[in-house]
C-alpha atoms as a PDB file:
ATOM      1  CA  MET A   1       2.062 -55.309  50.798  1.00  0.00           C
ATOM      2  CA  LEU A   2       0.156 -57.091  52.703  1.00  0.00           C
ATOM      3  CA  CYS A   3      -2.741 -55.018  53.677  1.00  0.00           C
ATOM      4  CA  VAL A   4      -2.218 -53.035  50.250  1.00  0.00           C
ATOM      5  CA  LEU A   5      -2.857 -57.139  48.531  1.00  0.00           C
ATOM      6  CA  ALA A   6      -6.360 -57.181  51.300  1.00  0.00           C
ATOM      7  CA  PHE A   7      -7.990 -54.029  49.965  1.00  0.00           C
ATOM      8  CA  GLN A   8      -7.744 -55.634  46.598  1.00  0.00           C
ATOM      9  CA  TYR A   9      -9.662 -59.254  47.854  1.00  0.00           C
ATOM     10  CA  PRO A  10     -13.152 -58.029  46.585  1.00  0.00           C
ATOM     11  CA  LYS A  11     -12.078 -57.438  43.086  1.00  0.00           C
ATOM     12  CA  ALA A  12      -9.058 -59.419  42.500  1.00  0.00           C
ATOM     13  CA  GLY A  13      -8.747 -62.989  40.704  1.00  0.00           C
ATOM     14  CA  ASN A  14      -6.216 -65.795  41.856  1.00  0.00           C
ATOM     15  CA  GLY A  15      -3.046 -64.494  40.854  1.00  0.00           C
ATOM     16  CA  VAL A  16      -4.035 -61.951  43.859  1.00  0.00           C
ATOM     17  CA  ARG A  17      -4.411 -65.494  46.634  1.00  0.00           C
ATOM     18  CA  VAL A  18      -0.883 -66.383  45.453  1.00  0.00           C
ATOM     19  CA  THR A  19       0.728 -63.562  45.691  1.00  0.00           C
ATOM     20  CA  SER A  20      -0.577 -62.918  48.685  1.00  0.00           C
ATOM     21  CA  ILE A  21       0.573 -66.252  49.877  1.00  0.00           C
ATOM     22  CA  VAL A  22       4.181 -65.913  49.137  1.00  0.00           C
ATOM     23  CA  LEU A  23       4.317 -62.643  50.572  1.00  0.00           C
ATOM     24  CA  ALA A  24       3.042 -63.822  53.530  1.00  0.00           C
ATOM     25  CA  SER A  25       5.717 -66.910  52.714  1.00  0.00           C
ATOM     26  CA  VAL A  26       8.887 -64.390  53.257  1.00  0.00           C
ATOM     27  CA  GLN A  27       6.658 -62.534  55.859  1.00  0.00           C
ATOM     28  CA  ILE A  28       7.481 -66.313  57.607  1.00  0.00           C
ATOM     29  CA  LEU A  29      11.174 -66.158  56.931  1.00  0.00           C
ATOM     30  CA  PHE A  30      11.927 -62.502  58.481  1.00  0.00           C
ATOM     31  CA  GLY A  31       9.864 -63.584  61.427  1.00  0.00           C
ATOM     32  CA  LEU A  32      11.970 -66.263  62.419  1.00  0.00           C
ATOM     33  CA  SER A  33      14.644 -64.279  61.775  1.00  0.00           C
ATOM     34  CA  ALA A  34      13.896 -61.364  63.787  1.00  0.00           C
ATOM     35  CA  THR A  35      12.925 -64.595  66.827  1.00  0.00           C
ATOM     36  CA  GLY A  36      16.409 -65.594  66.320  1.00  0.00           C
ATOM     37  CA  GLN A  37      18.367 -62.250  66.490  1.00  0.00           C
ATOM     38  CA  GLY A  38      16.440 -62.204  69.919  1.00  0.00           C
ATOM     39  CA  MET A  39      13.857 -59.306  68.496  1.00  0.00           C
ATOM     40  CA  PRO A  40      10.366 -60.527  70.933  1.00  0.00           C
ATOM     41  CA  LEU A  41       8.351 -59.062  67.505  1.00  0.00           C
ATOM     42  CA  GLY A  42       9.413 -61.082  65.794  1.00  0.00           C
ATOM     43  CA  ILE A  43       7.079 -64.165  66.626  1.00  0.00           C
ATOM     44  CA  LEU A  44       3.659 -61.547  66.603  1.00  0.00           C
ATOM     45  CA  TRP A  45       5.303 -61.493  62.465  1.00  0.00           C
ATOM     46  CA  LEU A  46       5.727 -64.674  62.725  1.00  0.00           C
ATOM     47  CA  GLY A  47       1.807 -65.201  63.832  1.00  0.00           C
ATOM     48  CA  ALA A  48       0.653 -62.878  61.649  1.00  0.00           C
ATOM     49  CA  ALA A  49       1.926 -64.472  58.481  1.00  0.00           C
ATOM     50  CA  ILE A  50       0.641 -67.924  59.587  1.00  0.00           C
ATOM     51  CA  ALA A  51      -2.877 -66.165  60.188  1.00  0.00           C
ATOM     52  CA  VAL A  52      -2.744 -65.445  56.289  1.00  0.00           C
ATOM     53  CA  ILE A  53      -1.403 -68.203  54.848  1.00  0.00           C
ATOM     54  CA  VAL A  54      -4.222 -70.969  56.611  1.00  0.00           C
ATOM     55  CA  PRO A  55      -6.859 -69.703  55.795  1.00  0.00           C
ATOM     56  CA  LEU A  56      -5.462 -68.264  51.968  1.00  0.00           C
ATOM     57  CA  SER A  57      -4.444 -71.889  51.334  1.00  0.00           C
ATOM     58  CA  GLN A  58      -7.715 -73.653  52.120  1.00  0.00           C
ATOM     59  CA  GLY A  59      -9.233 -74.991  48.838  1.00  0.00           C
ATOM     60  CA  SER A  60     -12.561 -72.640  49.394  1.00  0.00           C
ATOM     61  CA  ALA A  61     -10.916 -70.069  49.469  1.00  0.00           C
ATOM     62  CA  GLY A  62      -9.102 -70.623  45.925  1.00  0.00           C
ATOM     63  CA  GLN A  63     -13.319 -70.976  44.486  1.00  0.00           C
ATOM     64  CA  TRP A  64     -13.719 -67.735  45.699  1.00  0.00           C
ATOM     65  CA  PHE A  65     -10.893 -66.120  43.878  1.00  0.00           C
ATOM     66  CA  ARG A  66     -11.832 -67.593  40.822  1.00  0.00           C
ATOM     67  CA  ARG A  67     -15.611 -67.168  41.100  1.00  0.00           C
ATOM     68  CA  HIS A  68     -15.077 -64.384  38.424  1.00  0.00           C
ATOM     69  CA  GLN A  69     -13.779 -66.515  35.729  1.00  0.00           C
ATOM     70  CA  ALA A  70     -16.378 -69.211  36.191  1.00  0.00           C
ATOM     71  CA  ASN A  71     -19.301 -67.121  35.139  1.00  0.00           C
ATOM     72  CA  GLY A  72     -18.056 -63.575  35.336  1.00  0.00           C
ATOM     73  CA  VAL A  73     -20.307 -62.558  37.301  1.00  0.00           C
ATOM     74  CA  PRO A  74     -19.884 -62.182  41.160  1.00  0.00           C
ATOM     75  CA  PRO A  75     -21.585 -64.052  42.757  1.00  0.00           C
ATOM     76  CA  HIS A  76     -24.413 -62.223  45.477  1.00  0.00           C
ATOM     77  CA  HIS A  77     -23.507 -61.749  49.047  1.00  0.00           C
ATOM     78  CA  ARG A  78     -25.606 -62.190  51.661  1.00  0.00           C
END
């Protein structure tokens, strides 16, 4: 599901960012559960979810996702 949301990022608003953070948080719970049950791939899911949450939680990410609300025009990418 996070992969589907990632394709929406260029045209998405802040709701997609928040939804991604929530889904990655759920993925952390599943990763911890899998790791606790002795499944070595659980650590991979845990790490991937953390790698999603950390940058999306930054203030600059919030500003980027709210860019359309500020002036209605997407920023120029250089």
